[in-house]
Amino acid sequence: FVAAITSGGSTNYADSVEGRFTISRDNAKNTVYLQMNSLQPEDTAVYL
């Protein structure tokens, strides 16, 4: 798990990304975003 956001906008983050990643959503577009900053080699992965 990396991050999640509810319909009401509540968010949860894995400890490993807390403070570096930000999840957001656009309900009108049914789209979720993940802004990833300060990326590290251990962040290398397929993101789903």
ModelCIF file with pLDDT and N, C-alpha, C, O atoms, coordinates in Angstrom:
data_MODEL
#
_entry.id   MODEL 
#
_entity.id                         1 
_entity.type                       polymer 
_entity.pdbx_number_of_molecules   1 
#
_entity_poly.entity_id                      1 
_entity_poly.type                           'polypeptide(L)' 
_entity_poly.nstd_linkage                   no 
_entity_poly.nstd_monomer                   no 
_entity_poly.pdbx_seq_one_letter_code       FVAAITSGGSTNYADSVEGRFTISRDNAKNTVYLQMNSLQPEDTAVYL 
_entity_poly.pdbx_seq_one_letter_code_can   FVAAITSGGSTNYADSVEGRFTISRDNAKNTVYLQMNSLQPEDTAVYL 
_entity_poly.pdbx_strand_id                 A 
#
loop_
_entity_poly_seq.entity_id 
_entity_poly_seq.num 
_entity_poly_seq.mon_id 
_entity_poly_seq.hetero 
1 1  PHE n 
1 2  VAL n 
1 3  ALA n 
1 4  ALA n 
1 5  ILE n 
1 6  THR n 
1 7  SER n 
1 8  GLY n 
1 9  GLY n 
1 10 SER n 
1 11 THR n 
1 12 ASN n 
1 13 TYR n 
1 14 ALA n 
1 15 ASP n 
1 16 SER n 
1 17 VAL n 
1 18 GLU n 
1 19 GLY n 
1 20 ARG n 
1 21 PHE n 
1 22 THR n 
1 23 ILE n 
1 24 SER n 
1 25 ARG n 
1 26 ASP n 
1 27 ASN n 
1 28 ALA n 
1 29 LYS n 
1 30 ASN n 
1 31 THR n 
1 32 VAL n 
1 33 TYR n 
1 34 LEU n 
1 35 GLN n 
1 36 MET n 
1 37 ASN n 
1 38 SER n 
1 39 LEU n 
1 40 GLN n 
1 41 PRO n 
1 42 GLU n 
1 43 ASP n 
1 44 THR n 
1 45 ALA n 
1 46 VAL n 
1 47 TYR n 
1 48 LEU n 
#
_struct_asym.id          A 
_struct_asym.entity_id   1 
#
loop_
_ma_qa_metric.id 
_ma_qa_metric.mode 
_ma_qa_metric.name 
_ma_qa_metric.software_group_id 
_ma_qa_metric.type 
1 global pLDDT . pLDDT 
2 local  pLDDT . pLDDT 
#
_ma_qa_metric_global.metric_id      1 
_ma_qa_metric_global.metric_value   96.25 
_ma_qa_metric_global.model_id       1 
_ma_qa_metric_global.ordinal_id     1 
#
loop_
_ma_qa_metric_local.label_asym_id 
_ma_qa_metric_local.label_comp_id 
_ma_qa_metric_local.label_seq_id 
_ma_qa_metric_local.metric_id 
_ma_qa_metric_local.metric_value 
_ma_qa_metric_local.model_id 
_ma_qa_metric_local.ordinal_id 
A PHE 1  2 98.00 1 1  
A VAL 2  2 98.00 1 2  
A ALA 3  2 98.00 1 3  
A ALA 4  2 98.00 1 4  
A ILE 5  2 97.00 1 5  
A THR 6  2 95.00 1 6  
A SER 7  2 89.00 1 7  
A GLY 8  2 90.00 1 8  
A GLY 9  2 93.00 1 9  
A SER 10 2 97.00 1 10 
A THR 11 2 98.00 1 11 
A ASN 12 2 98.00 1 12 
A TYR 13 2 98.00 1 13 
A ALA 14 2 98.00 1 14 
A ASP 15 2 98.00 1 15 
A SER 16 2 97.00 1 16 
A VAL 17 2 98.00 1 17 
A GLU 18 2 96.00 1 18 
A GLY 19 2 97.00 1 19 
A ARG 20 2 98.00 1 20 
A PHE 21 2 98.00 1 21 
A THR 22 2 98.00 1 22 
A ILE 23 2 98.00 1 23 
A SER 24 2 97.00 1 24 
A ARG 25 2 95.00 1 25 
A ASP 26 2 93.00 1 26 
A ASN 27 2 87.00 1 27 
A ALA 28 2 88.00 1 28 
A LYS 29 2 91.00 1 29 
A ASN 30 2 92.00 1 30 
A THR 31 2 95.00 1 31 
A VAL 32 2 96.00 1 32 
A TYR 33 2 97.00 1 33 
A LEU 34 2 98.00 1 34 
A GLN 35 2 98.00 1 35 
A MET 36 2 98.00 1 36 
A ASN 37 2 98.00 1 37 
A SER 38 2 98.00 1 38 
A LEU 39 2 98.00 1 39 
A GLN 40 2 97.00 1 40 
A PRO 41 2 97.00 1 41 
A GLU 42 2 96.00 1 42 
A ASP 43 2 98.00 1 43 
A THR 44 2 98.00 1 44 
A ALA 45 2 98.00 1 45 
A VAL 46 2 98.00 1 46 
A TYR 47 2 98.00 1 47 
A LEU 48 2 98.00 1 48 
#
loop_
_atom_site.group_PDB 
_atom_site.id 
_atom_site.type_symbol 
_atom_site.label_atom_id 
_atom_site.label_alt_id 
_atom_site.label_comp_id 
_atom_site.label_asym_id 
_atom_site.label_entity_id 
_atom_site.label_seq_id 
_atom_site.pdbx_PDB_ins_code 
_atom_site.Cartn_x 
_atom_site.Cartn_y 
_atom_site.Cartn_z 
_atom_site.occupancy 
_atom_site.B_iso_or_equiv 
_atom_site.pdbx_formal_charge 
_atom_site.auth_seq_id 
_atom_site.auth_comp_id 
_atom_site.auth_asym_id 
_atom_site.auth_atom_id 
_atom_site.pdbx_PDB_model_num 
ATOM 1   N N  . PHE A 1 1  ? 0.823   -1.185 0.000   1.00 98.00 ? 1  PHE A N  1 
ATOM 2   C CA . PHE A 1 1  ? 0.000   0.000  0.000   1.00 98.00 ? 1  PHE A CA 1 
ATOM 3   C C  . PHE A 1 1  ? 0.865   1.247  0.000   1.00 98.00 ? 1  PHE A C  1 
ATOM 4   O O  . PHE A 1 1  ? 1.891   1.297  0.679   1.00 98.00 ? 1  PHE A O  1 
ATOM 5   N N  . VAL A 1 2  ? 0.453   2.259  -0.765  1.00 98.00 ? 2  VAL A N  1 
ATOM 6   C CA . VAL A 1 2  ? 1.178   3.522  -0.824  1.00 98.00 ? 2  VAL A CA 1 
ATOM 7   C C  . VAL A 1 2  ? 0.342   4.652  -0.245  1.00 98.00 ? 2  VAL A C  1 
ATOM 8   O O  . VAL A 1 2  ? 0.768   5.326  0.693   1.00 98.00 ? 2  VAL A O  1 
ATOM 9   N N  . ALA A 1 3  ? -0.851  4.863  -0.803  1.00 98.00 ? 3  ALA A N  1 
ATOM 10  C CA . ALA A 1 3  ? -1.699  5.964  -0.363  1.00 98.00 ? 3  ALA A CA 1 
ATOM 11  C C  . ALA A 1 3  ? -3.122  5.732  -0.836  1.00 98.00 ? 3  ALA A C  1 
ATOM 12  O O  . ALA A 1 3  ? -3.346  5.019  -1.814  1.00 98.00 ? 3  ALA A O  1 
ATOM 13  N N  . ALA A 1 4  ? -4.087  6.331  -0.146  1.00 98.00 ? 4  ALA A N  1 
ATOM 14  C CA . ALA A 1 4  ? -5.485  6.229  -0.532  1.00 98.00 ? 4  ALA A CA 1 
ATOM 15  C C  . ALA A 1 4  ? -6.225  7.492  -0.132  1.00 98.00 ? 4  ALA A C  1 
ATOM 16  O O  . ALA A 1 4  ? -5.815  8.211  0.779   1.00 98.00 ? 4  ALA A O  1 
ATOM 17  N N  . ILE A 1 5  ? -7.324  7.747  -0.831  1.00 97.00 ? 5  ILE A N  1 
ATOM 18  C CA . ILE A 1 5  ? -8.163  8.903  -0.542  1.00 97.00 ? 5  ILE A CA 1 
ATOM 19  C C  . ILE A 1 5  ? -9.615  8.492  -0.676  1.00 97.00 ? 5  ILE A C  1 
ATOM 20  O O  . ILE A 1 5  ? -9.977  7.790  -1.621  1.00 97.00 ? 5  ILE A O  1 
ATOM 21  N N  . THR A 1 6  ? -10.456 8.922  0.262   1.00 95.00 ? 6  THR A N  1 
ATOM 22  C CA . THR A 1 6  ? -11.868 8.580  0.257   1.00 95.00 ? 6  THR A CA 1 
ATOM 23  C C  . THR A 1 6  ? -12.673 9.625  -0.503  1.00 95.00 ? 6  THR A C  1 
ATOM 24  O O  . THR A 1 6  ? -12.150 10.663 -0.909  1.00 95.00 ? 6  THR A O  1 
ATOM 25  N N  . SER A 1 7  ? -13.960 9.326  -0.688  1.00 89.00 ? 7  SER A N  1 
ATOM 26  C CA . SER A 1 7  ? -14.841 10.263 -1.380  1.00 89.00 ? 7  SER A CA 1 
ATOM 27  C C  . SER A 1 7  ? -14.948 11.591 -0.649  1.00 89.00 ? 7  SER A C  1 
ATOM 28  O O  . SER A 1 7  ? -15.193 12.625 -1.270  1.00 89.00 ? 7  SER A O  1 
ATOM 29  N N  . GLY A 1 8  ? -14.765 11.569 0.670   1.00 90.00 ? 8  GLY A N  1 
ATOM 30  C CA . GLY A 1 8  ? -14.809 12.782 1.455   1.00 90.00 ? 8  GLY A CA 1 
ATOM 31  C C  . GLY A 1 8  ? -13.497 13.521 1.545   1.00 90.00 ? 8  GLY A C  1 
ATOM 32  O O  . GLY A 1 8  ? -13.431 14.600 2.133   1.00 90.00 ? 8  GLY A O  1 
ATOM 33  N N  . GLY A 1 9  ? -12.444 12.952 0.968   1.00 93.00 ? 9  GLY A N  1 
ATOM 34  C CA . GLY A 1 9  ? -11.158 13.618 0.945   1.00 93.00 ? 9  GLY A CA 1 
ATOM 35  C C  . GLY A 1 9  ? -10.183 13.202 2.027   1.00 93.00 ? 9  GLY A C  1 
ATOM 36  O O  . GLY A 1 9  ? -9.083  13.749 2.103   1.00 93.00 ? 9  GLY A O  1 
ATOM 37  N N  . SER A 1 10 ? -10.559 12.245 2.869   1.00 97.00 ? 10 SER A N  1 
ATOM 38  C CA . SER A 1 10 ? -9.631  11.752 3.883   1.00 97.00 ? 10 SER A CA 1 
ATOM 39  C C  . SER A 1 10 ? -8.531  10.937 3.225   1.00 97.00 ? 10 SER A C  1 
ATOM 40  O O  . SER A 1 10 ? -8.788  10.187 2.284   1.00 97.00 ? 10 SER A O  1 
ATOM 41  N N  . THR A 1 11 ? -7.306  11.081 3.717   1.00 98.00 ? 11 THR A N  1 
ATOM 42  C CA . THR A 1 11 ? -6.158  10.420 3.112   1.00 98.00 ? 11 THR A CA 1 
ATOM 43  C C  . THR A 1 11 ? -5.432  9.541  4.109   1.00 98.00 ? 11 THR A C  1 
ATOM 44  O O  . THR A 1 11 ? -5.469  9.775  5.317   1.00 98.00 ? 11 THR A O  1 
ATOM 45  N N  . ASN A 1 12 ? -4.767  8.521  3.575   1.00 98.00 ? 12 ASN A N  1 
ATOM 46  C CA . ASN A 1 12 ? -3.896  7.649  4.345   1.00 98.00 ? 12 ASN A CA 1 
ATOM 47  C C  . ASN A 1 12 ? -2.634  7.389  3.536   1.00 98.00 ? 12 ASN A C  1 
ATOM 48  O O  . ASN A 1 12 ? -2.683  7.271  2.312   1.00 98.00 ? 12 ASN A O  1 
ATOM 49  N N  . TYR A 1 13 ? -1.502  7.300  4.232   1.00 98.00 ? 13 TYR A N  1 
ATOM 50  C CA . TYR A 1 13 ? -0.220  7.080  3.584   1.00 98.00 ? 13 TYR A CA 1 
ATOM 51  C C  . TYR A 1 13 ? 0.558   5.988  4.291   1.00 98.00 ? 13 TYR A C  1 
ATOM 52  O O  . TYR A 1 13 ? 0.465   5.817  5.506   1.00 98.00 ? 13 TYR A O  1 
ATOM 53  N N  . ALA A 1 14 ? 1.328   5.254  3.502   1.00 98.00 ? 14 ALA A N  1 
ATOM 54  C CA . ALA A 1 14 ? 2.297   4.345  4.091   1.00 98.00 ? 14 ALA A CA 1 
ATOM 55  C C  . ALA A 1 14 ? 3.386   5.149  4.787   1.00 98.00 ? 14 ALA A C  1 
ATOM 56  O O  . ALA A 1 14 ? 3.722   6.252  4.356   1.00 98.00 ? 14 ALA A O  1 
ATOM 57  N N  . ASP A 1 15 ? 3.936   4.600  5.860   1.00 98.00 ? 15 ASP A N  1 
ATOM 58  C CA . ASP A 1 15 ? 4.979   5.310  6.594   1.00 98.00 ? 15 ASP A CA 1 
ATOM 59  C C  . ASP A 1 15 ? 6.168   5.660  5.705   1.00 98.00 ? 15 ASP A C  1 
ATOM 60  O O  . ASP A 1 15 ? 6.808   6.695  5.897   1.00 98.00 ? 15 ASP A O  1 
ATOM 61  N N  . SER A 1 16 ? 6.462   4.805  4.738   1.00 97.00 ? 16 SER A N  1 
ATOM 62  C CA . SER A 1 16 ? 7.629   4.995  3.904   1.00 97.00 ? 16 SER A CA 1 
ATOM 63  C C  . SER A 1 16 ? 7.522   6.191  2.964   1.00 97.00 ? 16 SER A C  1 
ATOM 64  O O  . SER A 1 16 ? 8.537   6.673  2.460   1.00 97.00 ? 16 SER A O  1 
ATOM 65  N N  . VAL A 1 17 ? 6.300   6.677  2.722   1.00 98.00 ? 17 VAL A N  1 
ATOM 66  C CA . VAL A 1 17 ? 6.112   7.800  1.799   1.00 98.00 ? 17 VAL A CA 1 
ATOM 67  C C  . VAL A 1 17 ? 5.533   9.024  2.479   1.00 98.00 ? 17 VAL A C  1 
ATOM 68  O O  . VAL A 1 17 ? 5.414   10.073 1.846   1.00 98.00 ? 17 VAL A O  1 
ATOM 69  N N  . GLU A 1 18 ? 5.176   8.925  3.732   1.00 96.00 ? 18 GLU A N  1 
ATOM 70  C CA . GLU A 1 18 ? 4.594   10.043 4.468   1.00 96.00 ? 18 GLU A CA 1 
ATOM 71  C C  . GLU A 1 18 ? 5.519   11.251 4.401   1.00 96.00 ? 18 GLU A C  1 
ATOM 72  O O  . GLU A 1 18 ? 6.713   11.153 4.685   1.00 96.00 ? 18 GLU A O  1 
ATOM 73  N N  . GLY A 1 19 ? 4.954   12.386 4.022   1.00 97.00 ? 19 GLY A N  1 
ATOM 74  C CA . GLY A 1 19 ? 5.723   13.611 3.930   1.00 97.00 ? 19 GLY A CA 1 
ATOM 75  C C  . GLY A 1 19 ? 6.374   13.842 2.589   1.00 97.00 ? 19 GLY A C  1 
ATOM 76  O O  . GLY A 1 19 ? 6.803   14.959 2.299   1.00 97.00 ? 19 GLY A O  1 
ATOM 77  N N  . ARG A 1 20 ? 6.458   12.818 1.765   1.00 98.00 ? 20 ARG A N  1 
ATOM 78  C CA . ARG A 1 20 ? 7.053   12.949 0.438   1.00 98.00 ? 20 ARG A CA 1 
ATOM 79  C C  . ARG A 1 20 ? 6.017   12.859 -0.680  1.00 98.00 ? 20 ARG A C  1 
ATOM 80  O O  . ARG A 1 20 ? 6.143   13.534 -1.701  1.00 98.00 ? 20 ARG A O  1 
ATOM 81  N N  . PHE A 1 21 ? 4.999   12.030 -0.489  1.00 98.00 ? 21 PHE A N  1 
ATOM 82  C CA . PHE A 1 21 ? 3.961   11.827 -1.496  1.00 98.00 ? 21 PHE A CA 1 
ATOM 83  C C  . PHE A 1 21 ? 2.672   12.507 -1.057  1.00 98.00 ? 21 PHE A C  1 
ATOM 84  O O  . PHE A 1 21 ? 2.385   12.606 0.136   1.00 98.00 ? 21 PHE A O  1 
ATOM 85  N N  . THR A 1 22 ? 1.905   12.972 -2.027  1.00 98.00 ? 22 THR A N  1 
ATOM 86  C CA . THR A 1 22 ? 0.607   13.573 -1.761  1.00 98.00 ? 22 THR A CA 1 
ATOM 87  C C  . THR A 1 22 ? -0.423  13.007 -2.728  1.00 98.00 ? 22 THR A C  1 
ATOM 88  O O  . THR A 1 22 ? -0.233  13.052 -3.944  1.00 98.00 ? 22 THR A O  1 
ATOM 89  N N  . ILE A 1 23 ? -1.515  12.473 -2.185  1.00 98.00 ? 23 ILE A N  1 
ATOM 90  C CA . ILE A 1 23 ? -2.584  11.944 -3.017  1.00 98.00 ? 23 ILE A CA 1 
ATOM 91  C C  . ILE A 1 23 ? -3.720  12.957 -3.073  1.00 98.00 ? 23 ILE A C  1 
ATOM 92  O O  . ILE A 1 23 ? -4.024  13.617 -2.079  1.00 98.00 ? 23 ILE A O  1 
ATOM 93  N N  . SER A 1 24 ? -4.341  13.076 -4.232  1.00 97.00 ? 24 SER A N  1 
ATOM 94  C CA . SER A 1 24 ? -5.466  13.977 -4.407  1.00 97.00 ? 24 SER A CA 1 
ATOM 95  C C  . SER A 1 24 ? -6.404  13.398 -5.457  1.00 97.00 ? 24 SER A C  1 
ATOM 96  O O  . SER A 1 24 ? -6.060  12.436 -6.143  1.00 97.00 ? 24 SER A O  1 
ATOM 97  N N  . ARG A 1 25 ? -7.585  13.983 -5.578  1.00 95.00 ? 25 ARG A N  1 
ATOM 98  C CA . ARG A 1 25 ? -8.541  13.476 -6.549  1.00 95.00 ? 25 ARG A CA 1 
ATOM 99  C C  . ARG A 1 25 ? -9.371  14.602 -7.141  1.00 95.00 ? 25 ARG A C  1 
ATOM 100 O O  . ARG A 1 25 ? -9.548  15.655 -6.528  1.00 95.00 ? 25 ARG A O  1 
ATOM 101 N N  . ASP A 1 26 ? -9.872  14.362 -8.331  1.00 93.00 ? 26 ASP A N  1 
ATOM 102 C CA . ASP A 1 26 ? -10.808 15.241 -9.004  1.00 93.00 ? 26 ASP A CA 1 
ATOM 103 C C  . ASP A 1 26 ? -12.068 14.416 -9.222  1.00 93.00 ? 26 ASP A C  1 
ATOM 104 O O  . ASP A 1 26 ? -12.131 13.603 -10.145 1.00 93.00 ? 26 ASP A O  1 
ATOM 105 N N  . ASN A 1 27 ? -13.069 14.622 -8.378  1.00 87.00 ? 27 ASN A N  1 
ATOM 106 C CA . ASN A 1 27 ? -14.277 13.806 -8.442  1.00 87.00 ? 27 ASN A CA 1 
ATOM 107 C C  . ASN A 1 27 ? -15.028 13.971 -9.762  1.00 87.00 ? 27 ASN A C  1 
ATOM 108 O O  . ASN A 1 27 ? -15.609 13.011 -10.268 1.00 87.00 ? 27 ASN A O  1 
ATOM 109 N N  . ALA A 1 28 ? -15.019 15.170 -10.315 1.00 88.00 ? 28 ALA A N  1 
ATOM 110 C CA . ALA A 1 28 ? -15.719 15.409 -11.569 1.00 88.00 ? 28 ALA A CA 1 
ATOM 111 C C  . ALA A 1 28 ? -15.114 14.605 -12.711 1.00 88.00 ? 28 ALA A C  1 
ATOM 112 O O  . ALA A 1 28 ? -15.816 14.220 -13.645 1.00 88.00 ? 28 ALA A O  1 
ATOM 113 N N  . LYS A 1 29 ? -13.817 14.351 -12.636 1.00 91.00 ? 29 LYS A N  1 
ATOM 114 C CA . LYS A 1 29 ? -13.124 13.606 -13.683 1.00 91.00 ? 29 LYS A CA 1 
ATOM 115 C C  . LYS A 1 29 ? -12.875 12.151 -13.309 1.00 91.00 ? 29 LYS A C  1 
ATOM 116 O O  . LYS A 1 29 ? -12.309 11.397 -14.101 1.00 91.00 ? 29 LYS A O  1 
ATOM 117 N N  . ASN A 1 30 ? -13.294 11.745 -12.102 1.00 92.00 ? 30 ASN A N  1 
ATOM 118 C CA . ASN A 1 30 ? -13.020 10.397 -11.606 1.00 92.00 ? 30 ASN A CA 1 
ATOM 119 C C  . ASN A 1 30 ? -11.542 10.043 -11.748 1.00 92.00 ? 30 ASN A C  1 
ATOM 120 O O  . ASN A 1 30 ? -11.183 8.971  -12.236 1.00 92.00 ? 30 ASN A O  1 
ATOM 121 N N  . THR A 1 31 ? -10.713 10.957 -11.314 1.00 95.00 ? 31 THR A N  1 
ATOM 122 C CA . THR A 1 31 ? -9.277  10.814 -11.470 1.00 95.00 ? 31 THR A CA 1 
ATOM 123 C C  . THR A 1 31 ? -8.580  11.013 -10.134 1.00 95.00 ? 31 THR A C  1 
ATOM 124 O O  . THR A 1 31 ? -8.937  11.902 -9.360  1.00 95.00 ? 31 THR A O  1 
ATOM 125 N N  . VAL A 1 32 ? -7.585  10.178 -9.873  1.00 96.00 ? 32 VAL A N  1 
ATOM 126 C CA . VAL A 1 32 ? -6.765  10.298 -8.682  1.00 96.00 ? 32 VAL A CA 1 
ATOM 127 C C  . VAL A 1 32 ? -5.331  10.572 -9.111  1.00 96.00 ? 32 VAL A C  1 
ATOM 128 O O  . VAL A 1 32 ? -4.871  10.080 -10.141 1.00 96.00 ? 32 VAL A O  1 
ATOM 129 N N  . TYR A 1 33 ? -4.632  11.365 -8.306  1.00 97.00 ? 33 TYR A N  1 
ATOM 130 C CA . TYR A 1 33 ? -3.261  11.745 -8.595  1.00 97.00 ? 33 TYR A CA 1 
ATOM 131 C C  . TYR A 1 33 ? -2.356  11.367 -7.435  1.00 97.00 ? 33 TYR A C  1 
ATOM 132 O O  . TYR A 1 33 ? -2.795  11.290 -6.288  1.00 97.00 ? 33 TYR A O  1 
ATOM 133 N N  . LEU A 1 34 ? -1.110  11.136 -7.742  1.00 98.00 ? 34 LEU A N  1 
ATOM 134 C CA . LEU A 1 34 ? -0.098  10.903 -6.721  1.00 98.00 ? 34 LEU A CA 1 
ATOM 135 C C  . LEU A 1 34 ? 1.121   11.744 -7.060  1.00 98.00 ? 34 LEU A C  1 
ATOM 136 O O  . LEU A 1 34 ? 1.867   11.428 -7.987  1.00 98.00 ? 34 LEU A O  1 
ATOM 137 N N  . GLN A 1 35 ? 1.315   12.810 -6.310  1.00 98.00 ? 35 GLN A N  1 
ATOM 138 C CA . GLN A 1 35 ? 2.499   13.645 -6.459  1.00 98.00 ? 35 GLN A CA 1 
ATOM 139 C C  . GLN A 1 35 ? 3.611   13.048 -5.624  1.00 98.00 ? 35 GLN A C  1 
ATOM 140 O O  . GLN A 1 35 ? 3.475   12.911 -4.408  1.00 98.00 ? 35 GLN A O  1 
ATOM 141 N N  . MET A 1 36 ? 4.710   12.694 -6.266  1.00 98.00 ? 36 MET A N  1 
ATOM 142 C CA . MET A 1 36 ? 5.816   12.026 -5.603  1.00 98.00 ? 36 MET A CA 1 
ATOM 143 C C  . MET A 1 36 ? 7.038   12.934 -5.648  1.00 98.00 ? 36 MET A C  1 
ATOM 144 O O  . MET A 1 36 ? 7.569   13.226 -6.719  1.00 98.00 ? 36 MET A O  1 
ATOM 145 N N  . ASN A 1 37 ? 7.472   13.370 -4.486  1.00 98.00 ? 37 ASN A N  1 
ATOM 146 C CA . ASN A 1 37 ? 8.639   14.230 -4.360  1.00 98.00 ? 37 ASN A CA 1 
ATOM 147 C C  . ASN A 1 37 ? 9.743   13.505 -3.608  1.00 98.00 ? 37 ASN A C  1 
ATOM 148 O O  . ASN A 1 37 ? 9.502   12.498 -2.941  1.00 98.00 ? 37 ASN A O  1 
ATOM 149 N N  . SER A 1 38 ? 10.950  14.028 -3.724  1.00 98.00 ? 38 SER A N  1 
ATOM 150 C CA . SER A 1 38 ? 12.114  13.455 -3.039  1.00 98.00 ? 38 SER A CA 1 
ATOM 151 C C  . SER A 1 38 ? 12.219  11.959 -3.271  1.00 98.00 ? 38 SER A C  1 
ATOM 152 O O  . SER A 1 38 ? 12.433  11.188 -2.336  1.00 98.00 ? 38 SER A O  1 
ATOM 153 N N  . LEU A 1 39 ? 12.070  11.560 -4.513  1.00 98.00 ? 39 LEU A N  1 
ATOM 154 C CA . LEU A 1 39 ? 12.076  10.141 -4.846  1.00 98.00 ? 39 LEU A CA 1 
ATOM 155 C C  . LEU A 1 39 ? 13.433  9.509  -4.544  1.00 98.00 ? 39 LEU A C  1 
ATOM 156 O O  . LEU A 1 39 ? 14.481  10.128 -4.729  1.00 98.00 ? 39 LEU A O  1 
ATOM 157 N N  . GLN A 1 40 ? 13.390  8.279  -4.083  1.00 97.00 ? 40 GLN A N  1 
ATOM 158 C CA . GLN A 1 40 ? 14.565  7.516  -3.709  1.00 97.00 ? 40 GLN A CA 1 
ATOM 159 C C  . GLN A 1 40 ? 14.593  6.214  -4.491  1.00 97.00 ? 40 GLN A C  1 
ATOM 160 O O  . GLN A 1 40 ? 13.554  5.766  -4.976  1.00 97.00 ? 40 GLN A O  1 
ATOM 161 N N  . PRO A 1 41 ? 15.775  5.591  -4.624  1.00 97.00 ? 41 PRO A N  1 
ATOM 162 C CA . PRO A 1 41 ? 15.847  4.328  -5.370  1.00 97.00 ? 41 PRO A CA 1 
ATOM 163 C C  . PRO A 1 41 ? 14.876  3.271  -4.859  1.00 97.00 ? 41 PRO A C  1 
ATOM 164 O O  . PRO A 1 41 ? 14.363  2.481  -5.651  1.00 97.00 ? 41 PRO A O  1 
ATOM 165 N N  . GLU A 1 42 ? 14.613  3.237  -3.566  1.00 96.00 ? 42 GLU A N  1 
ATOM 166 C CA . GLU A 1 42 ? 13.692  2.249  -3.022  1.00 96.00 ? 42 GLU A CA 1 
ATOM 167 C C  . GLU A 1 42 ? 12.241  2.495  -3.420  1.00 96.00 ? 42 GLU A C  1 
ATOM 168 O O  . GLU A 1 42 ? 11.383  1.651  -3.162  1.00 96.00 ? 42 GLU A O  1 
ATOM 169 N N  . ASP A 1 43 ? 11.953  3.629  -4.039  1.00 98.00 ? 43 ASP A N  1 
ATOM 170 C CA . ASP A 1 43 ? 10.621  3.889  -4.565  1.00 98.00 ? 43 ASP A CA 1 
ATOM 171 C C  . ASP A 1 43 ? 10.404  3.249  -5.930  1.00 98.00 ? 43 ASP A C  1 
ATOM 172 O O  . ASP A 1 43 ? 9.285   3.250  -6.443  1.00 98.00 ? 43 ASP A O  1 
ATOM 173 N N  . THR A 1 44 ? 11.447  2.709  -6.517  1.00 98.00 ? 44 THR A N  1 
ATOM 174 C CA . THR A 1 44 ? 11.338  2.070  -7.821  1.00 98.00 ? 44 THR A CA 1 
ATOM 175 C C  . THR A 1 44 ? 10.374  0.891  -7.755  1.00 98.00 ? 44 THR A C  1 
ATOM 176 O O  . THR A 1 44 ? 10.544  -0.015 -6.940  1.00 98.00 ? 44 THR A O  1 
ATOM 177 N N  . ALA A 1 45 ? 9.361   0.910  -8.621  1.00 98.00 ? 45 ALA A N  1 
ATOM 178 C CA . ALA A 1 45 ? 8.341   -0.132 -8.617  1.00 98.00 ? 45 ALA A CA 1 
ATOM 179 C C  . ALA A 1 45 ? 7.337   0.149  -9.724  1.00 98.00 ? 45 ALA A C  1 
ATOM 180 O O  . ALA A 1 45 ? 7.345   1.218  -10.335 1.00 98.00 ? 45 ALA A O  1 
ATOM 181 N N  . VAL A 1 46 ? 6.478   -0.821 -9.969  1.00 98.00 ? 46 VAL A N  1 
ATOM 182 C CA . VAL A 1 46 ? 5.286   -0.595 -10.765 1.00 98.00 ? 46 VAL A CA 1 
ATOM 183 C C  . VAL A 1 46 ? 4.206   -0.074 -9.826  1.00 98.00 ? 46 VAL A C  1 
ATOM 184 O O  . VAL A 1 46 ? 3.898   -0.698 -8.810  1.00 98.00 ? 46 VAL A O  1 
ATOM 185 N N  . TYR A 1 47 ? 3.645   1.056  -10.169 1.00 98.00 ? 47 TYR A N  1 
ATOM 186 C CA . TYR A 1 47 ? 2.608   1.668  -9.348  1.00 98.00 ? 47 TYR A CA 1 
ATOM 187 C C  . TYR A 1 47 ? 1.252   1.377  -9.964  1.00 98.00 ? 47 TYR A C  1 
ATOM 188 O O  . TYR A 1 47 ? 1.036   1.610  -11.153 1.00 98.00 ? 47 TYR A O  1 
ATOM 189 N N  . LEU A 1 48 ? 0.339   0.864  -9.147  1.00 98.00 ? 48 LEU A N  1 
ATOM 190 C CA . LEU A 1 48 ? -0.966  0.443  -9.612  1.00 98.00 ? 48 LEU A CA 1 
ATOM 191 C C  . LEU A 1 48 ? -2.073  1.219  -8.927  1.00 98.00 ? 48 LEU A C  1 
ATOM 192 O O  . LEU A 1 48 ? -3.250  0.989  -9.204  1.00 98.00 ? 48 LEU A O  1 
#
